Amino acid sequence: MRFIVLALAVLLAGCQARFLQDEPPSQLEHLKSVLQVYGDNAKASAHKFLGHLDGTEYQDYKEFLGQSVDNIHSYFQHAFQAISPVAAQVVEALAPLREKLHKDVEDLGKQIEPHREELRQVLEKHLEEYRAVLRPFIEEYLAKQQEHMQEVKTKLEPVVQSLKEKIPPNWEETKSKLMPILEAVRVKVAEHIQELKAKLEPYIQDYKDQMEKGALEFRESVKSGKLRKKMNELGEQVKPHFQAIFAAIQSVLSKE
């Protein structure tokens, strides 16, 4: 037990040394609150997970496992409370060691600074040597690539010029072969349109005649008063139905 307490105290001391060096007790309290929140969240998550056991074949174990989680949570709380005084003493006892370690790190940084500058100069020197060795090869490679591209460009120029000269006559030749095909298609489509128009012409004329006849009859019925008479007769036939509907609505409204 003493070994565990001492180990946790050293761990807490290390944590304090990493975060703050001037106020170990306040940092210990901060760590205590963080661990408290973490423990409470872990406990709540465990109980939430155990809630999924309801309605399953393992639901009988829920109470037992929940009590175990509570016991573990209480154990860690009591253990932390027990080691807090010891941890505070250890943190306070290690304060000189932390200060010495901090001073040693600063002294070491000042000590290696000249060597770091020497190392940088040596590395730059080596890199320059590598560049000097590779520079002739790279320059030769780039020169050859430029020369090759110039050769390709020179060889392509007559080819491109030849293509430019061939495109117009080739297009004319292609058009001369394409136009008869398009003309044959146009003639055939025109023939089908004419045939369709000839077949539909009687139906179209009959439809026009029917529309003109209907319009003429409508105008005559309006002039002669027949349309008004028919509308009045239709109104008399529909009127009882509207009256019945109106009476039914009034009856419902009066009951309300």
C-alpha atoms as a PDB file:
ATOM      1  CA  MET A   1       0.000   0.000   0.000  1.00  0.00           C
ATOM      2  CA  ARG A   2       2.836   2.388   0.853  1.00  0.00           C
ATOM      3  CA  PHE A   3       4.438   1.623  -2.505  1.00  0.00           C
ATOM      4  CA  ILE A   4       1.206   2.477  -4.340  1.00  0.00           C
ATOM      5  CA  VAL A   5       0.803   5.694  -2.359  1.00  0.00           C
ATOM      6  CA  LEU A   6       4.397   6.694  -3.042  1.00  0.00           C
ATOM      7  CA  ALA A   7       4.082   5.892  -6.760  1.00  0.00           C
ATOM      8  CA  LEU A   8       0.908   7.948  -7.099  1.00  0.00           C
ATOM      9  CA  ALA A   9       2.569  10.766  -5.150  1.00  0.00           C
ATOM     10  CA  VAL A  10       5.558  10.763  -7.497  1.00  0.00           C
ATOM     11  CA  LEU A  11       3.204  10.700 -10.475  1.00  0.00           C
ATOM     12  CA  LEU A  12       1.309  13.679  -9.103  1.00  0.00           C
ATOM     13  CA  ALA A  13       4.597  15.438  -8.452  1.00  0.00           C
ATOM     14  CA  GLY A  14       5.659  14.865 -12.055  1.00  0.00           C
ATOM     15  CA  CYS A  15       2.344  16.226 -13.311  1.00  0.00           C
ATOM     16  CA  GLN A  16       2.733  19.308 -11.154  1.00  0.00           C
ATOM     17  CA  ALA A  17       6.310  19.823 -12.355  1.00  0.00           C
ATOM     18  CA  ARG A  18       5.147  19.730 -15.948  1.00  0.00           C
ATOM     19  CA  PHE A  19       2.358  22.277 -15.572  1.00  0.00           C
ATOM     20  CA  LEU A  20       3.372  24.821 -12.905  1.00  0.00           C
ATOM     21  CA  GLN A  21       6.429  25.154 -10.687  1.00  0.00           C
ATOM     22  CA  ASP A  22       5.501  27.998  -8.315  1.00  0.00           C
ATOM     23  CA  GLU A  23       2.238  26.804  -6.711  1.00  0.00           C
ATOM     24  CA  PRO A  24       2.189  22.973  -6.276  1.00  0.00           C
ATOM     25  CA  PRO A  25      -0.739  22.840  -3.784  1.00  0.00           C
ATOM     26  CA  SER A  26      -3.070  24.784  -6.100  1.00  0.00           C
ATOM     27  CA  GLN A  27      -2.086  22.562  -9.006  1.00  0.00           C
ATOM     28  CA  LEU A  28      -2.744  19.517  -6.847  1.00  0.00           C
ATOM     29  CA  GLU A  29      -6.236  20.809  -6.166  1.00  0.00           C
ATOM     30  CA  HIS A  30      -6.723  21.414  -9.885  1.00  0.00           C
ATOM     31  CA  LEU A  31      -5.632  17.859 -10.671  1.00  0.00           C
ATOM     32  CA  LYS A  32      -7.923  16.584  -7.924  1.00  0.00           C
ATOM     33  CA  SER A  33     -10.931  18.374  -9.438  1.00  0.00           C
ATOM     34  CA  VAL A  34     -10.043  17.099 -12.938  1.00  0.00           C
ATOM     35  CA  LEU A  35      -9.815  13.512 -11.681  1.00  0.00           C
ATOM     36  CA  GLN A  36     -13.086  13.968  -9.791  1.00  0.00           C
ATOM     37  CA  VAL A  37     -14.876  15.099 -12.939  1.00  0.00           C
ATOM     38  CA  TYR A  38     -13.314  12.267 -14.947  1.00  0.00           C
ATOM     39  CA  GLY A  39     -14.380   9.705 -12.333  1.00  0.00           C
ATOM     40  CA  ASP A  40     -17.940  11.036 -12.208  1.00  0.00           C
ATOM     41  CA  ASN A  41     -18.192  10.970 -16.005  1.00  0.00           C
ATOM     42  CA  ALA A  42     -16.842   7.415 -16.121  1.00  0.00           C
ATOM     43  CA  LYS A  43     -19.354   6.335 -13.474  1.00  0.00           C
ATOM     44  CA  ALA A  44     -22.266   7.957 -15.363  1.00  0.00           C
ATOM     45  CA  SER A  45     -21.166   6.375 -18.642  1.00  0.00           C
ATOM     46  CA  ALA A  46     -20.951   2.947 -17.008  1.00  0.00           C
ATOM     47  CA  HIS A  47     -24.468   3.230 -15.559  1.00  0.00           C
ATOM     48  CA  LYS A  48     -25.764   4.449 -18.931  1.00  0.00           C
ATOM     49  CA  PHE A  49     -24.210   1.421 -20.614  1.00  0.00           C
ATOM     50  CA  LEU A  50     -25.699  -0.928 -17.989  1.00  0.00           C
ATOM     51  CA  GLY A  51     -29.113   0.542 -18.778  1.00  0.00           C
ATOM     52  CA  HIS A  52     -28.972  -1.318 -22.103  1.00  0.00           C
ATOM     53  CA  LEU A  53     -29.195  -4.608 -20.179  1.00  0.00           C
ATOM     54  CA  ASP A  54     -32.875  -3.989 -19.387  1.00  0.00           C
ATOM     55  CA  GLY A  55     -35.089  -6.453 -21.188  1.00  0.00           C
ATOM     56  CA  THR A  56     -32.197  -8.801 -22.000  1.00  0.00           C
ATOM     57  CA  GLU A  57     -31.109 -12.106 -20.507  1.00  0.00           C
ATOM     58  CA  TYR A  58     -28.420 -10.236 -18.548  1.00  0.00           C
ATOM     59  CA  GLN A  59     -30.724  -7.778 -16.783  1.00  0.00           C
ATOM     60  CA  ASP A  60     -30.284  -9.689 -13.468  1.00  0.00           C
ATOM     61  CA  TYR A  61     -26.627  -8.681 -13.463  1.00  0.00           C
ATOM     62  CA  LYS A  62     -27.399  -4.950 -13.833  1.00  0.00           C
ATOM     63  CA  GLU A  63     -27.775  -4.235 -10.108  1.00  0.00           C
ATOM     64  CA  PHE A  64     -24.667  -6.226  -9.215  1.00  0.00           C
ATOM     65  CA  LEU A  65     -22.539  -4.549 -11.881  1.00  0.00           C
ATOM     66  CA  GLY A  66     -23.910  -1.108 -10.987  1.00  0.00           C
ATOM     67  CA  GLN A  67     -22.986  -1.618  -7.347  1.00  0.00           C
ATOM     68  CA  SER A  68     -19.509  -2.714  -8.436  1.00  0.00           C
ATOM     69  CA  VAL A  69     -19.080   0.477 -10.455  1.00  0.00           C
ATOM     70  CA  ASP A  70     -20.160   2.563  -7.442  1.00  0.00           C
ATOM     71  CA  ASN A  71     -17.741   0.678  -5.187  1.00  0.00           C
ATOM     72  CA  ILE A  72     -14.822   1.223  -7.554  1.00  0.00           C
ATOM     73  CA  HIS A  73     -15.692   4.918  -7.858  1.00  0.00           C
ATOM     74  CA  SER A  74     -15.831   5.266  -4.047  1.00  0.00           C
ATOM     75  CA  TYR A  75     -12.559   3.373  -3.661  1.00  0.00           C
ATOM     76  CA  PHE A  76     -10.675   5.695  -5.981  1.00  0.00           C
ATOM     77  CA  GLN A  77     -12.192   8.746  -4.309  1.00  0.00           C
ATOM     78  CA  HIS A  78     -11.103   7.558  -0.849  1.00  0.00           C
ATOM     79  CA  ALA A  79      -7.696   6.523  -2.180  1.00  0.00           C
ATOM     80  CA  PHE A  80      -7.108   9.931  -3.721  1.00  0.00           C
ATOM     81  CA  GLN A  81      -8.237  11.672  -0.544  1.00  0.00           C
ATOM     82  CA  ALA A  82      -5.838   9.463   1.434  1.00  0.00           C
ATOM     83  CA  ILE A  83      -2.794  10.178  -0.730  1.00  0.00           C
ATOM     84  CA  SER A  84      -3.485  13.900  -1.234  1.00  0.00           C
ATOM     85  CA  PRO A  85      -1.562  15.004   1.901  1.00  0.00           C
ATOM     86  CA  VAL A  86       1.348  12.732   1.039  1.00  0.00           C
ATOM     87  CA  ALA A  87       1.331  13.960  -2.557  1.00  0.00           C
ATOM     88  CA  ALA A  88       1.388  17.570  -1.396  1.00  0.00           C
ATOM     89  CA  GLN A  89       4.384  16.836   0.835  1.00  0.00           C
ATOM     90  CA  VAL A  90       6.177  15.062  -1.996  1.00  0.00           C
ATOM     91  CA  VAL A  91       5.470  17.947  -4.366  1.00  0.00           C
ATOM     92  CA  GLU A  92       6.813  20.406  -1.827  1.00  0.00           C
ATOM     93  CA  ALA A  93       9.864  18.228  -1.159  1.00  0.00           C
ATOM     94  CA  LEU A  94      10.614  17.971  -4.883  1.00  0.00           C
ATOM     95  CA  ALA A  95      10.413  21.742  -5.440  1.00  0.00           C
ATOM     96  CA  PRO A  96      14.211  22.220  -5.221  1.00  0.00           C
ATOM     97  CA  LEU A  97      14.703  19.356  -7.622  1.00  0.00           C
ATOM     98  CA  ARG A  98      12.271  20.963 -10.104  1.00  0.00           C
ATOM     99  CA  GLU A  99      14.061  24.282  -9.840  1.00  0.00           C
ATOM    100  CA  LYS A 100      17.421  22.593 -10.375  1.00  0.00           C
ATOM    101  CA  LEU A 101      16.063  20.678 -13.369  1.00  0.00           C
ATOM    102  CA  HIS A 102      14.698  23.897 -14.874  1.00  0.00           C
ATOM    103  CA  LYS A 103      18.031  25.664 -14.348  1.00  0.00           C
ATOM    104  CA  ASP A 104      19.945  22.714 -15.824  1.00  0.00           C
ATOM    105  CA  VAL A 105      17.756  22.813 -18.946  1.00  0.00           C
ATOM    106  CA  GLU A 106      18.415  26.538 -19.392  1.00  0.00           C
ATOM    107  CA  ASP A 107      22.151  26.057 -18.848  1.00  0.00           C
ATOM    108  CA  LEU A 108      22.196  23.176 -21.295  1.00  0.00           C
ATOM    109  CA  GLY A 109      20.457  25.319 -23.916  1.00  0.00           C
ATOM    110  CA  LYS A 110      23.058  28.053 -23.507  1.00  0.00           C
ATOM    111  CA  GLN A 111      25.849  25.474 -23.614  1.00  0.00           C
ATOM    112  CA  ILE A 112      24.751  23.797 -26.852  1.00  0.00           C
ATOM    113  CA  GLU A 113      23.855  27.044 -28.685  1.00  0.00           C
ATOM    114  CA  PRO A 114      27.394  27.510 -30.137  1.00  0.00           C
ATOM    115  CA  HIS A 115      27.494  23.849 -31.158  1.00  0.00           C
ATOM    116  CA  ARG A 116      24.090  24.189 -32.812  1.00  0.00           C
ATOM    117  CA  GLU A 117      25.388  27.074 -34.929  1.00  0.00           C
ATOM    118  CA  GLU A 118      28.461  25.027 -35.856  1.00  0.00           C
ATOM    119  CA  LEU A 119      26.210  22.103 -36.790  1.00  0.00           C
ATOM    120  CA  ARG A 120      24.108  24.376 -39.027  1.00  0.00           C
ATOM    121  CA  GLN A 121      27.223  25.647 -40.805  1.00  0.00           C
ATOM    122  CA  VAL A 122      28.512  22.095 -41.310  1.00  0.00           C
ATOM    123  CA  LEU A 123      25.174  20.944 -42.728  1.00  0.00           C
ATOM    124  CA  GLU A 124      25.040  23.905 -45.119  1.00  0.00           C
ATOM    125  CA  LYS A 125      28.594  23.122 -46.210  1.00  0.00           C
ATOM    126  CA  HIS A 126      27.696  19.494 -46.905  1.00  0.00           C
ATOM    127  CA  LEU A 127      24.558  20.458 -48.818  1.00  0.00           C
ATOM    128  CA  GLU A 128      26.552  22.871 -50.943  1.00  0.00           C
ATOM    129  CA  GLU A 129      29.029  20.076 -51.722  1.00  0.00           C
ATOM    130  CA  TYR A 130      26.140  17.815 -52.768  1.00  0.00           C
ATOM    131  CA  ARG A 131      24.707  20.566 -54.963  1.00  0.00           C
ATOM    132  CA  ALA A 132      28.109  21.152 -56.539  1.00  0.00           C
ATOM    133  CA  VAL A 133      28.382  17.452 -57.410  1.00  0.00           C
ATOM    134  CA  LEU A 134      24.836  17.262 -58.831  1.00  0.00           C
ATOM    135  CA  ARG A 135      24.846  20.636 -60.624  1.00  0.00           C
ATOM    136  CA  PRO A 136      26.735  19.497 -63.784  1.00  0.00           C
ATOM    137  CA  PHE A 137      24.467  16.488 -64.206  1.00  0.00           C
ATOM    138  CA  ILE A 138      21.290  18.551 -63.752  1.00  0.00           C
ATOM    139  CA  GLU A 139      22.482  21.306 -66.059  1.00  0.00           C
ATOM    140  CA  GLU A 140      23.461  18.757 -68.723  1.00  0.00           C
ATOM    141  CA  TYR A 141      20.092  17.014 -68.356  1.00  0.00           C
ATOM    142  CA  LEU A 142      18.164  20.295 -68.696  1.00  0.00           C
ATOM    143  CA  ALA A 143      20.244  21.321 -71.713  1.00  0.00           C
ATOM    144  CA  LYS A 144      19.558  17.986 -73.416  1.00  0.00           C
ATOM    145  CA  GLN A 145      15.852  18.271 -72.668  1.00  0.00           C
ATOM    146  CA  GLN A 146      15.726  21.770 -74.153  1.00  0.00           C
ATOM    147  CA  GLU A 147      17.645  20.579 -77.193  1.00  0.00           C
ATOM    148  CA  HIS A 148      15.294  17.633 -77.590  1.00  0.00           C
ATOM    149  CA  MET A 149      12.222  19.864 -77.338  1.00  0.00           C
ATOM    150  CA  GLN A 150      13.693  22.186 -79.941  1.00  0.00           C
ATOM    151  CA  GLU A 151      14.279  19.221 -82.278  1.00  0.00           C
ATOM    152  CA  VAL A 152      10.703  18.043 -81.771  1.00  0.00           C
ATOM    153  CA  LYS A 153       9.399  21.543 -82.457  1.00  0.00           C
ATOM    154  CA  THR A 154      11.496  21.792 -85.610  1.00  0.00           C
ATOM    155  CA  LYS A 155      10.251  18.425 -86.861  1.00  0.00           C
ATOM    156  CA  LEU A 156       6.624  19.271 -86.068  1.00  0.00           C
ATOM    157  CA  GLU A 157       6.559  22.584 -87.903  1.00  0.00           C
ATOM    158  CA  PRO A 158       6.333  21.095 -91.444  1.00  0.00           C
ATOM    159  CA  VAL A 159       3.847  18.496 -90.201  1.00  0.00           C
ATOM    160  CA  VAL A 160       1.600  21.198 -88.740  1.00  0.00           C
ATOM    161  CA  GLN A 161       1.930  23.275 -91.906  1.00  0.00           C
ATOM    162  CA  SER A 162       1.022  20.259 -94.034  1.00  0.00           C
ATOM    163  CA  LEU A 163      -2.057  19.591 -91.904  1.00  0.00           C
ATOM    164  CA  LYS A 164      -3.171  23.206 -92.252  1.00  0.00           C
ATOM    165  CA  GLU A 165      -2.886  22.937 -96.015  1.00  0.00           C
ATOM    166  CA  LYS A 166      -4.787  19.620 -96.185  1.00  0.00           C
ATOM    167  CA  ILE A 167      -7.734  20.591 -93.969  1.00  0.00           C
ATOM    168  CA  PRO A 168      -9.573  22.933 -96.451  1.00  0.00           C
ATOM    169  CA  PRO A 169      -9.482  20.594 -99.481  1.00  0.00           C
ATOM    170  CA  ASN A 170     -10.295  17.614 -97.309  1.00  0.00           C
ATOM    171  CA  TRP A 171     -13.304  19.442 -95.905  1.00  0.00           C
ATOM    172  CA  GLU A 172     -14.501  20.308 -99.405  1.00  0.00           C
ATOM    173  CA  GLU A 173     -14.107  16.688-100.474  1.00  0.00           C
ATOM    174  CA  THR A 174     -15.974  15.486 -97.392  1.00  0.00           C
ATOM    175  CA  LYS A 175     -18.742  18.030 -97.953  1.00  0.00           C
ATOM    176  CA  SER A 176     -19.137  16.925-101.582  1.00  0.00           C
ATOM    177  CA  LYS A 177     -19.787  13.359-100.381  1.00  0.00           C
ATOM    178  CA  LEU A 178     -21.970  14.419 -97.458  1.00  0.00           C
ATOM    179  CA  MET A 179     -24.326  16.762 -99.290  1.00  0.00           C
ATOM    180  CA  PRO A 180     -25.990  14.042-101.476  1.00  0.00           C
ATOM    181  CA  ILE A 181     -26.739  12.074 -98.307  1.00  0.00           C
ATOM    182  CA  LEU A 182     -28.290  15.099 -96.599  1.00  0.00           C
ATOM    183  CA  GLU A 183     -30.261  15.964 -99.733  1.00  0.00           C
ATOM    184  CA  ALA A 184     -31.659  12.418-100.010  1.00  0.00           C
ATOM    185  CA  VAL A 185     -32.705  12.548 -96.349  1.00  0.00           C
ATOM    186  CA  ARG A 186     -34.334  15.965 -96.850  1.00  0.00           C
ATOM    187  CA  VAL A 187     -36.324  14.772 -99.884  1.00  0.00           C
ATOM    188  CA  LYS A 188     -37.508  11.649 -98.101  1.00  0.00           C
ATOM    189  CA  VAL A 189     -38.594  13.619 -95.010  1.00  0.00           C
ATOM    190  CA  ALA A 190     -40.469  16.105 -97.223  1.00  0.00           C
ATOM    191  CA  GLU A 191     -42.295  13.248 -98.967  1.00  0.00           C
ATOM    192  CA  HIS A 192     -43.425  11.782 -95.641  1.00  0.00           C
ATOM    193  CA  ILE A 193     -44.596  15.199 -94.453  1.00  0.00           C
ATOM    194  CA  GLN A 194     -46.642  15.696 -97.616  1.00  0.00           C
ATOM    195  CA  GLU A 195     -48.205  12.232 -97.306  1.00  0.00           C
ATOM    196  CA  LEU A 196     -49.082  12.872 -93.670  1.00  0.00           C
ATOM    197  CA  LYS A 197     -50.540  16.259 -94.533  1.00  0.00           C
ATOM    198  CA  ALA A 198     -52.667  14.720 -97.327  1.00  0.00           C
ATOM    199  CA  LYS A 199     -54.025  12.067 -94.951  1.00  0.00           C
ATOM    200  CA  LEU A 200     -54.828  14.551 -92.202  1.00  0.00           C
ATOM    201  CA  GLU A 201     -56.333  17.222 -94.457  1.00  0.00           C
ATOM    202  CA  PRO A 202     -59.890  15.746 -94.462  1.00  0.00           C
ATOM    203  CA  TYR A 203     -59.952  15.415 -90.689  1.00  0.00           C
ATOM    204  CA  ILE A 204     -58.658  18.934 -90.266  1.00  0.00           C
ATOM    205  CA  GLN A 205     -61.264  20.309 -92.681  1.00  0.00           C
ATOM    206  CA  ASP A 206     -64.053  18.374 -90.956  1.00  0.00           C
ATOM    207  CA  TYR A 207     -62.924  19.699 -87.578  1.00  0.00           C
ATOM    208  CA  LYS A 208     -62.911  23.252 -88.921  1.00  0.00           C
ATOM    209  CA  ASP A 209     -66.408  22.762 -90.366  1.00  0.00           C
ATOM    210  CA  GLN A 210     -67.705  21.414 -87.064  1.00  0.00           C
ATOM    211  CA  MET A 211     -66.191  24.333 -85.164  1.00  0.00           C
ATOM    212  CA  GLU A 212     -67.719  26.860 -87.579  1.00  0.00           C
ATOM    213  CA  LYS A 213     -71.088  25.093 -87.387  1.00  0.00           C
ATOM    214  CA  GLY A 214     -71.016  25.059 -83.609  1.00  0.00           C
ATOM    215  CA  ALA A 215     -70.108  28.735 -83.467  1.00  0.00           C
ATOM    216  CA  LEU A 216     -72.907  29.589 -85.905  1.00  0.00           C
ATOM    217  CA  GLU A 217     -75.478  27.614 -83.892  1.00  0.00           C
ATOM    218  CA  PHE A 218     -74.314  29.314 -80.705  1.00  0.00           C
ATOM    219  CA  ARG A 219     -74.709  32.778 -82.221  1.00  0.00           C
ATOM    220  CA  GLU A 220     -78.172  31.883 -83.535  1.00  0.00           C
ATOM    221  CA  SER A 221     -79.268  30.520 -80.139  1.00  0.00           C
ATOM    222  CA  VAL A 222     -78.109  33.719 -78.481  1.00  0.00           C
ATOM    223  CA  LYS A 223     -79.941  35.892 -80.984  1.00  0.00           C
ATOM    224  CA  SER A 224     -83.149  33.871 -80.860  1.00  0.00           C
ATOM    225  CA  GLY A 225     -83.221  33.624 -77.068  1.00  0.00           C
ATOM    226  CA  LYS A 226     -83.018  29.816 -77.037  1.00  0.00           C
ATOM    227  CA  LEU A 227     -79.794  29.890 -75.001  1.00  0.00           C
ATOM    228  CA  ARG A 228     -81.365  32.126 -72.363  1.00  0.00           C
ATOM    229  CA  LYS A 229     -84.402  29.828 -72.236  1.00  0.00           C
ATOM    230  CA  LYS A 230     -82.225  26.748 -71.765  1.00  0.00           C
ATOM    231  CA  MET A 231     -80.220  28.472 -69.051  1.00  0.00           C
ATOM    232  CA  ASN A 232     -83.431  29.449 -67.232  1.00  0.00           C
ATOM    233  CA  GLU A 233     -84.743  25.887 -67.480  1.00  0.00           C
ATOM    234  CA  LEU A 234     -81.469  24.543 -66.142  1.00  0.00           C
ATOM    235  CA  GLY A 235     -81.582  27.068 -63.306  1.00  0.00           C
ATOM    236  CA  GLU A 236     -85.118  25.962 -62.352  1.00  0.00           C
ATOM    237  CA  GLN A 237     -83.972  22.333 -62.304  1.00  0.00           C
ATOM    238  CA  VAL A 238     -80.956  23.046 -60.134  1.00  0.00           C
ATOM    239  CA  LYS A 239     -82.658  25.555 -57.825  1.00  0.00           C
ATOM    240  CA  PRO A 240     -84.395  22.928 -55.557  1.00  0.00           C
ATOM    241  CA  HIS A 241     -81.086  21.176 -54.990  1.00  0.00           C
ATOM    242  CA  PHE A 242     -79.379  24.401 -53.912  1.00  0.00           C
ATOM    243  CA  GLN A 243     -82.325  25.246 -51.669  1.00  0.00           C
ATOM    244  CA  ALA A 244     -82.099  21.851 -49.977  1.00  0.00           C
ATOM    245  CA  ILE A 245     -78.376  22.286 -49.428  1.00  0.00           C
ATOM    246  CA  PHE A 246     -78.901  25.772 -48.023  1.00  0.00           C
ATOM    247  CA  ALA A 247     -81.650  24.513 -45.691  1.00  0.00           C
ATOM    248  CA  ALA A 248     -79.408  21.702 -44.426  1.00  0.00           C
ATOM    249  CA  ILE A 249     -76.602  24.165 -43.685  1.00  0.00           C
ATOM    250  CA  GLN A 250     -78.986  26.484 -41.833  1.00  0.00           C
ATOM    251  CA  SER A 251     -80.319  23.556 -39.791  1.00  0.00           C
ATOM    252  CA  VAL A 252     -76.786  22.573 -38.728  1.00  0.00           C
ATOM    253  CA  LEU A 253     -75.863  26.156 -37.847  1.00  0.00           C
ATOM    254  CA  SER A 254     -79.065  26.639 -35.792  1.00  0.00           C
ATOM    255  CA  LYS A 255     -78.314  23.499 -33.732  1.00  0.00           C
ATOM    256  CA  GLU A 256     -74.880  24.827 -32.890  1.00  0.00           C
END
